[in-house]
Amino acid sequence: MAENVKKTENGFVRFFKRAAKFFRDCKGEVKKIVWPTPKATFKNTGVVLVTIIVVALFVFLLDTVFMNLLGLVMDVAG
């Protein structure tokens, strides 16, 4: 009997039922989120900033070394 009801529903009704279920599920998932404390957020931000600075310095040093090596190679070739 339930199958007959589903077959008689038009596409709009099915769409809105699925959309409503989607938003109910989203609401349930949002309730499961555990937000970090401000202290943890600041600590993690500090870790990210330090990591960015270290990687940037490493890339800068590699770039400088390779540019100097390229300069030596170009002087020898010229």
PDB file of N, CA and C in Angstrom:
ATOM      1  N   MET A   1       0.825  -1.196   0.000  1.00  0.00           N
ATOM      2  CA  MET A   1       0.000   0.000   0.000  1.00  0.00           C
ATOM      3  C   MET A   1       0.865   1.255   0.000  1.00  0.00           C
ATOM      4  N   ALA A   2       1.971   1.225   0.753  1.00  0.00           N
ATOM      5  CA  ALA A   2       2.846   2.397   0.798  1.00  0.00           C
ATOM      6  C   ALA A   2       3.489   2.632  -0.560  1.00  0.00           C
ATOM      7  N   GLU A   3       3.736   1.567  -1.293  1.00  0.00           N
ATOM      8  CA  GLU A   3       4.330   1.715  -2.617  1.00  0.00           C
ATOM      9  C   GLU A   3       3.376   2.441  -3.563  1.00  0.00           C
ATOM     10  N   ASN A   4       2.074   2.175  -3.417  1.00  0.00           N
ATOM     11  CA  ASN A   4       1.093   2.847  -4.258  1.00  0.00           C
ATOM     12  C   ASN A   4       1.048   4.345  -3.964  1.00  0.00           C
ATOM     13  N   VAL A   5       1.220   4.700  -2.699  1.00  0.00           N
ATOM     14  CA  VAL A   5       1.193   6.110  -2.322  1.00  0.00           C
ATOM     15  C   VAL A   5       2.403   6.818  -2.927  1.00  0.00           C
ATOM     16  N   LYS A   6       3.581   6.186  -2.875  1.00  0.00           N
ATOM     17  CA  LYS A   6       4.777   6.809  -3.418  1.00  0.00           C
ATOM     18  C   LYS A   6       4.662   6.992  -4.933  1.00  0.00           C
ATOM     19  N   LYS A   7       4.047   6.049  -5.590  1.00  0.00           N
ATOM     20  CA  LYS A   7       3.915   6.147  -7.038  1.00  0.00           C
ATOM     21  C   LYS A   7       2.940   7.249  -7.427  1.00  0.00           C
ATOM     22  N   THR A   8       1.952   7.519  -6.580  1.00  0.00           N
ATOM     23  CA  THR A   8       0.969   8.534  -6.927  1.00  0.00           C
ATOM     24  C   THR A   8       1.446   9.944  -6.585  1.00  0.00           C
ATOM     25  N   GLU A   9       2.510  10.066  -5.751  1.00  0.00           N
ATOM     26  CA  GLU A   9       3.030  11.392  -5.429  1.00  0.00           C
ATOM     27  C   GLU A   9       3.729  11.958  -6.666  1.00  0.00           C
ATOM     28  N   ASN A  10       3.550  13.240  -6.881  1.00  0.00           N
ATOM     29  CA  ASN A  10       4.234  13.830  -8.022  1.00  0.00           C
ATOM     30  C   ASN A  10       5.672  14.204  -7.652  1.00  0.00           C
ATOM     31  N   GLY A  11       6.430  14.650  -8.636  1.00  0.00           N
ATOM     32  CA  GLY A  11       7.841  14.944  -8.434  1.00  0.00           C
ATOM     33  C   GLY A  11       8.098  16.044  -7.435  1.00  0.00           C
ATOM     34  N   PHE A  12       7.212  17.052  -7.401  1.00  0.00           N
ATOM     35  CA  PHE A  12       7.411  18.165  -6.468  1.00  0.00           C
ATOM     36  C   PHE A  12       7.282  17.709  -5.029  1.00  0.00           C
ATOM     37  N   VAL A  13       6.319  16.859  -4.756  1.00  0.00           N
ATOM     38  CA  VAL A  13       6.113  16.373  -3.388  1.00  0.00           C
ATOM     39  C   VAL A  13       7.327  15.561  -2.952  1.00  0.00           C
ATOM     40  N   ARG A  14       7.813  14.678  -3.834  1.00  0.00           N
ATOM     41  CA  ARG A  14       8.996  13.881  -3.492  1.00  0.00           C
ATOM     42  C   ARG A  14      10.213  14.782  -3.272  1.00  0.00           C
ATOM     43  N   PHE A  15      10.368  15.795  -4.128  1.00  0.00           N
ATOM     44  CA  PHE A  15      11.495  16.711  -3.987  1.00  0.00           C
ATOM     45  C   PHE A  15      11.463  17.409  -2.632  1.00  0.00           C
ATOM     46  N   PHE A  16      10.312  17.934  -2.240  1.00  0.00           N
ATOM     47  CA  PHE A  16      10.229  18.673  -0.975  1.00  0.00           C
ATOM     48  C   PHE A  16      10.377  17.754   0.227  1.00  0.00           C
ATOM     49  N   LYS A  17       9.916  16.510   0.113  1.00  0.00           N
ATOM     50  CA  LYS A  17      10.119  15.566   1.211  1.00  0.00           C
ATOM     51  C   LYS A  17      11.603  15.242   1.364  1.00  0.00           C
ATOM     52  N   ARG A  18      12.284  15.050   0.230  1.00  0.00           N
ATOM     53  CA  ARG A  18      13.723  14.764   0.294  1.00  0.00           C
ATOM     54  C   ARG A  18      14.496  15.977   0.802  1.00  0.00           C
ATOM     55  N   ALA A  19      14.100  17.160   0.371  1.00  0.00           N
ATOM     56  CA  ALA A  19      14.771  18.377   0.834  1.00  0.00           C
ATOM     57  C   ALA A  19      14.575  18.554   2.342  1.00  0.00           C
ATOM     58  N   ALA A  20      13.377  18.298   2.820  1.00  0.00           N
ATOM     59  CA  ALA A  20      13.112  18.423   4.254  1.00  0.00           C
ATOM     60  C   ALA A  20      13.952  17.422   5.046  1.00  0.00           C
ATOM     61  N   LYS A  21      14.060  16.193   4.532  1.00  0.00           N
ATOM     62  CA  LYS A  21      14.880  15.180   5.206  1.00  0.00           C
ATOM     63  C   LYS A  21      16.347  15.603   5.210  1.00  0.00           C
ATOM     64  N   PHE A  22      16.813  16.158   4.095  1.00  0.00           N
ATOM     65  CA  PHE A  22      18.194  16.625   4.006  1.00  0.00           C
ATOM     66  C   PHE A  22      18.476  17.681   5.075  1.00  0.00           C
ATOM     67  N   PHE A  23      17.590  18.662   5.210  1.00  0.00           N
ATOM     68  CA  PHE A  23      17.819  19.724   6.189  1.00  0.00           C
ATOM     69  C   PHE A  23      17.692  19.221   7.625  1.00  0.00           C
ATOM     70  N   ARG A  24      16.815  18.257   7.864  1.00  0.00           N
ATOM     71  CA  ARG A  24      16.739  17.657   9.204  1.00  0.00           C
ATOM     72  C   ARG A  24      18.046  16.942   9.531  1.00  0.00           C
ATOM     73  N   ASP A  25      18.572  16.198   8.546  1.00  0.00           N
ATOM     74  CA  ASP A  25      19.842  15.503   8.757  1.00  0.00           C
ATOM     75  C   ASP A  25      20.978  16.495   8.979  1.00  0.00           C
ATOM     76  N   CYS A  26      20.976  17.594   8.230  1.00  0.00           N
ATOM     77  CA  CYS A  26      22.013  18.626   8.411  1.00  0.00           C
ATOM     78  C   CYS A  26      21.952  19.204   9.819  1.00  0.00           C
ATOM     79  N   LYS A  27      20.753  19.474  10.284  1.00  0.00           N
ATOM     80  CA  LYS A  27      20.594  20.033  11.625  1.00  0.00           C
ATOM     81  C   LYS A  27      21.145  19.059  12.673  1.00  0.00           C
ATOM     82  N   GLY A  28      20.880  17.767  12.479  1.00  0.00           N
ATOM     83  CA  GLY A  28      21.402  16.765  13.405  1.00  0.00           C
ATOM     84  C   GLY A  28      22.918  16.697  13.392  1.00  0.00           C
ATOM     85  N   GLU A  29      23.528  16.844  12.204  1.00  0.00           N
ATOM     86  CA  GLU A  29      24.989  16.810  12.112  1.00  0.00           C
ATOM     87  C   GLU A  29      25.613  18.051  12.736  1.00  0.00           C
ATOM     88  N   VAL A  30      24.983  19.204  12.565  1.00  0.00           N
ATOM     89  CA  VAL A  30      25.519  20.436  13.150  1.00  0.00           C
ATOM     90  C   VAL A  30      25.511  20.351  14.670  1.00  0.00           C
ATOM     91  N   LYS A  31      24.532  19.674  15.226  1.00  0.00           N
ATOM     92  CA  LYS A  31      24.482  19.528  16.687  1.00  0.00           C
ATOM     93  C   LYS A  31      25.630  18.679  17.216  1.00  0.00           C
ATOM     94  N   LYS A  32      26.228  17.832  16.361  1.00  0.00           N
ATOM     95  CA  LYS A  32      27.322  16.962  16.779  1.00  0.00           C
ATOM     96  C   LYS A  32      28.676  17.673  16.781  1.00  0.00           C
ATOM     97  N   ILE A  33      28.750  18.870  16.222  1.00  0.00           N
ATOM     98  CA  ILE A  33      30.018  19.584  16.119  1.00  0.00           C
ATOM     99  C   ILE A  33      30.495  20.004  17.508  1.00  0.00           C
ATOM    100  N   VAL A  34      31.779  19.763  17.767  1.00  0.00           N
ATOM    101  CA  VAL A  34      32.403  20.208  19.012  1.00  0.00           C
ATOM    102  C   VAL A  34      33.340  21.348  18.644  1.00  0.00           C
ATOM    103  N   TRP A  35      32.991  22.564  19.049  1.00  0.00           N
ATOM    104  CA  TRP A  35      33.779  23.737  18.701  1.00  0.00           C
ATOM    105  C   TRP A  35      34.965  23.863  19.642  1.00  0.00           C
ATOM    106  N   PRO A  36      36.131  24.261  19.132  1.00  0.00           N
ATOM    107  CA  PRO A  36      37.307  24.409  19.999  1.00  0.00           C
ATOM    108  C   PRO A  36      37.165  25.637  20.898  1.00  0.00           C
ATOM    109  N   THR A  37      37.879  25.595  21.998  1.00  0.00           N
ATOM    110  CA  THR A  37      37.873  26.736  22.912  1.00  0.00           C
ATOM    111  C   THR A  37      38.704  27.859  22.290  1.00  0.00           C
ATOM    112  N   PRO A  38      38.494  29.098  22.732  1.00  0.00           N
ATOM    113  CA  PRO A  38      39.321  30.195  22.211  1.00  0.00           C
ATOM    114  C   PRO A  38      40.812  29.968  22.448  1.00  0.00           C
ATOM    115  N   LYS A  39      41.162  29.378  23.578  1.00  0.00           N
ATOM    116  CA  LYS A  39      42.571  29.112  23.885  1.00  0.00           C
ATOM    117  C   LYS A  39      43.159  28.139  22.858  1.00  0.00           C
ATOM    118  N   ALA A  40      42.425  27.083  22.544  1.00  0.00           N
ATOM    119  CA  ALA A  40      42.895  26.106  21.556  1.00  0.00           C
ATOM    120  C   ALA A  40      42.987  26.736  20.169  1.00  0.00           C
ATOM    121  N   THR A  41      42.050  27.614  19.854  1.00  0.00           N
ATOM    122  CA  THR A  41      42.064  28.282  18.556  1.00  0.00           C
ATOM    123  C   THR A  41      43.307  29.160  18.412  1.00  0.00           C
ATOM    124  N   PHE A  42      43.628  29.945  19.433  1.00  0.00           N
ATOM    125  CA  PHE A  42      44.817  30.794  19.387  1.00  0.00           C
ATOM    126  C   PHE A  42      46.092  29.958  19.319  1.00  0.00           C
ATOM    127  N   LYS A  43      46.124  28.855  20.043  1.00  0.00           N
ATOM    128  CA  LYS A  43      47.298  27.981  20.014  1.00  0.00           C
ATOM    129  C   LYS A  43      47.483  27.408  18.611  1.00  0.00           C
ATOM    130  N   ASN A  44      46.410  26.912  18.014  1.00  0.00           N
ATOM    131  CA  ASN A  44      46.495  26.340  16.671  1.00  0.00           C
ATOM    132  C   ASN A  44      46.869  27.397  15.634  1.00  0.00           C
ATOM    133  N   THR A  45      46.363  28.615  15.812  1.00  0.00           N
ATOM    134  CA  THR A  45      46.717  29.707  14.902  1.00  0.00           C
ATOM    135  C   THR A  45      48.205  29.999  14.990  1.00  0.00           C
ATOM    136  N   GLY A  46      48.746  30.000  16.187  1.00  0.00           N
ATOM    137  CA  GLY A  46      50.182  30.215  16.369  1.00  0.00           C
ATOM    138  C   GLY A  46      51.008  29.134  15.699  1.00  0.00           C
ATOM    139  N   VAL A  47      50.577  27.901  15.827  1.00  0.00           N
ATOM    140  CA  VAL A  47      51.295  26.788  15.191  1.00  0.00           C
ATOM    141  C   VAL A  47      51.282  26.956  13.675  1.00  0.00           C
ATOM    142  N   VAL A  48      50.148  27.328  13.121  1.00  0.00           N
ATOM    143  CA  VAL A  48      50.042  27.519  11.672  1.00  0.00           C
ATOM    144  C   VAL A  48      50.943  28.661  11.209  1.00  0.00           C
ATOM    145  N   LEU A  49      50.937  29.772  11.923  1.00  0.00           N
ATOM    146  CA  LEU A  49      51.770  30.912  11.534  1.00  0.00           C
ATOM    147  C   LEU A  49      53.261  30.576  11.597  1.00  0.00           C
ATOM    148  N   VAL A  50      53.681  29.885  12.641  1.00  0.00           N
ATOM    149  CA  VAL A  50      55.087  29.486  12.757  1.00  0.00           C
ATOM    150  C   VAL A  50      55.452  28.537  11.615  1.00  0.00           C
ATOM    151  N   THR A  51      54.596  27.604  11.302  1.00  0.00           N
ATOM    152  CA  THR A  51      54.849  26.668  10.207  1.00  0.00           C
ATOM    153  C   THR A  51      54.975  27.401   8.878  1.00  0.00           C
ATOM    154  N   ILE A  52      54.112  28.373   8.636  1.00  0.00           N
ATOM    155  CA  ILE A  52      54.175  29.158   7.399  1.00  0.00           C
ATOM    156  C   ILE A  52      55.499  29.905   7.312  1.00  0.00           C
ATOM    157  N   ILE A  53      55.926  30.489   8.414  1.00  0.00           N
ATOM    158  CA  ILE A  53      57.184  31.247   8.412  1.00  0.00           C
ATOM    159  C   ILE A  53      58.369  30.322   8.150  1.00  0.00           C
ATOM    160  N   VAL A  54      58.390  29.157   8.783  1.00  0.00           N
ATOM    161  CA  VAL A  54      59.493  28.211   8.595  1.00  0.00           C
ATOM    162  C   VAL A  54      59.544  27.736   7.138  1.00  0.00           C
ATOM    163  N   VAL A  55      58.406  27.395   6.570  1.00  0.00           N
ATOM    164  CA  VAL A  55      58.375  26.935   5.174  1.00  0.00           C
ATOM    165  C   VAL A  55      58.783  28.067   4.232  1.00  0.00           C
ATOM    166  N   ALA A  56      58.333  29.278   4.507  1.00  0.00           N
ATOM    167  CA  ALA A  56      58.694  30.417   3.661  1.00  0.00           C
ATOM    168  C   ALA A  56      60.205  30.655   3.704  1.00  0.00           C
ATOM    169  N   LEU A  57      60.810  30.568   4.868  1.00  0.00           N
ATOM    170  CA  LEU A  57      62.265  30.737   4.974  1.00  0.00           C
ATOM    171  C   LEU A  57      63.000  29.633   4.217  1.00  0.00           C
ATOM    172  N   PHE A  58      62.513  28.421   4.317  1.00  0.00           N
ATOM    173  CA  PHE A  58      63.131  27.294   3.608  1.00  0.00           C
ATOM    174  C   PHE A  58      63.064  27.510   2.097  1.00  0.00           C
ATOM    175  N   VAL A  59      61.923  27.927   1.602  1.00  0.00           N
ATOM    176  CA  VAL A  59      61.771  28.183   0.161  1.00  0.00           C
ATOM    177  C   VAL A  59      62.664  29.345  -0.265  1.00  0.00           C
ATOM    178  N   PHE A  60      62.732  30.384   0.563  1.00  0.00           N
ATOM    179  CA  PHE A  60      63.601  31.519   0.255  1.00  0.00           C
ATOM    180  C   PHE A  60      65.058  31.084   0.162  1.00  0.00           C
ATOM    181  N   LEU A  61      65.498  30.265   1.120  1.00  0.00           N
ATOM    182  CA  LEU A  61      66.886  29.790   1.098  1.00  0.00           C
ATOM    183  C   LEU A  61      67.156  28.932  -0.138  1.00  0.00           C
ATOM    184  N   LEU A  62      66.241  28.025  -0.475  1.00  0.00           N
ATOM    185  CA  LEU A  62      66.410  27.215  -1.682  1.00  0.00           C
ATOM    186  C   LEU A  62      66.471  28.087  -2.927  1.00  0.00           C
ATOM    187  N   ASP A  63      65.607  29.070  -3.004  1.00  0.00           N
ATOM    188  CA  ASP A  63      65.582  29.968  -4.157  1.00  0.00           C
ATOM    189  C   ASP A  63      66.911  30.721  -4.268  1.00  0.00           C
ATOM    190  N   THR A  64      67.422  31.202  -3.151  1.00  0.00           N
ATOM    191  CA  THR A  64      68.686  31.933  -3.154  1.00  0.00           C
ATOM    192  C   THR A  64      69.838  31.033  -3.596  1.00  0.00           C
ATOM    193  N   VAL A  65      69.893  29.829  -3.058  1.00  0.00           N
ATOM    194  CA  VAL A  65      70.965  28.889  -3.423  1.00  0.00           C
ATOM    195  C   VAL A  65      70.891  28.556  -4.906  1.00  0.00           C
ATOM    196  N   PHE A  66      69.721  28.232  -5.409  1.00  0.00           N
ATOM    197  CA  PHE A  66      69.595  27.867  -6.823  1.00  0.00           C
ATOM    198  C   PHE A  66      69.889  29.058  -7.748  1.00  0.00           C
ATOM    199  N   MET A  67      69.502  30.244  -7.350  1.00  0.00           N
ATOM    200  CA  MET A  67      69.803  31.420  -8.177  1.00  0.00           C
ATOM    201  C   MET A  67      71.314  31.661  -8.232  1.00  0.00           C
ATOM    202  N   ASN A  68      72.005  31.476  -7.114  1.00  0.00           N
ATOM    203  CA  ASN A  68      73.459  31.615  -7.100  1.00  0.00           C
ATOM    204  C   ASN A  68      74.120  30.540  -7.948  1.00  0.00           C
ATOM    205  N   LEU A  69      73.642  29.308  -7.849  1.00  0.00           N
ATOM    206  CA  LEU A  69      74.183  28.234  -8.679  1.00  0.00           C
ATOM    207  C   LEU A  69      73.936  28.512 -10.152  1.00  0.00           C
ATOM    208  N   LEU A  70      72.770  28.995 -10.491  1.00  0.00           N
ATOM    209  CA  LEU A  70      72.449  29.337 -11.870  1.00  0.00           C
ATOM    210  C   LEU A  70      73.366  30.468 -12.354  1.00  0.00           C
ATOM    211  N   GLY A  71      73.615  31.427 -11.492  1.00  0.00           N
ATOM    212  CA  GLY A  71      74.529  32.517 -11.841  1.00  0.00           C
ATOM    213  C   GLY A  71      75.913  32.001 -12.123  1.00  0.00           C
ATOM    214  N   LEU A  72      76.403  31.059 -11.330  1.00  0.00           N
ATOM    215  CA  LEU A  72      77.726  30.460 -11.566  1.00  0.00           C
ATOM    216  C   LEU A  72      77.763  29.709 -12.891  1.00  0.00           C
ATOM    217  N   VAL A  73      76.720  28.946 -13.151  1.00  0.00           N
ATOM    218  CA  VAL A  73      76.651  28.172 -14.399  1.00  0.00           C
ATOM    219  C   VAL A  73      76.610  29.123 -15.594  1.00  0.00           C
ATOM    220  N   MET A  74      75.862  30.193 -15.507  1.00  0.00           N
ATOM    221  CA  MET A  74      75.746  31.145 -16.621  1.00  0.00           C
ATOM    222  C   MET A  74      77.074  31.883 -16.850  1.00  0.00           C
ATOM    223  N   ASP A  75      77.814  32.164 -15.769  1.00  0.00           N
ATOM    224  CA  ASP A  75      79.119  32.825 -15.911  1.00  0.00           C
ATOM    225  C   ASP A  75      80.124  31.895 -16.593  1.00  0.00           C
ATOM    226  N   VAL A  76      80.092  30.623 -16.233  1.00  0.00           N
ATOM    227  CA  VAL A  76      81.002  29.649 -16.817  1.00  0.00           C
ATOM    228  C   VAL A  76      80.683  29.455 -18.293  1.00  0.00           C
ATOM    229  N   ALA A  77      79.394  29.411 -18.618  1.00  0.00           N
ATOM    230  CA  ALA A  77      78.983  29.191 -20.004  1.00  0.00           C
ATOM    231  C   ALA A  77      79.255  30.409 -20.868  1.00  0.00           C
ATOM    232  N   GLY A  78      79.252  31.606 -20.305  1.00  0.00           N
ATOM    233  CA  GLY A  78      79.397  32.833 -21.096  1.00  0.00           C
ATOM    234  C   GLY A  78      80.773  33.250 -21.313  1.00  0.00           C
TER     235      GLY A  78
END
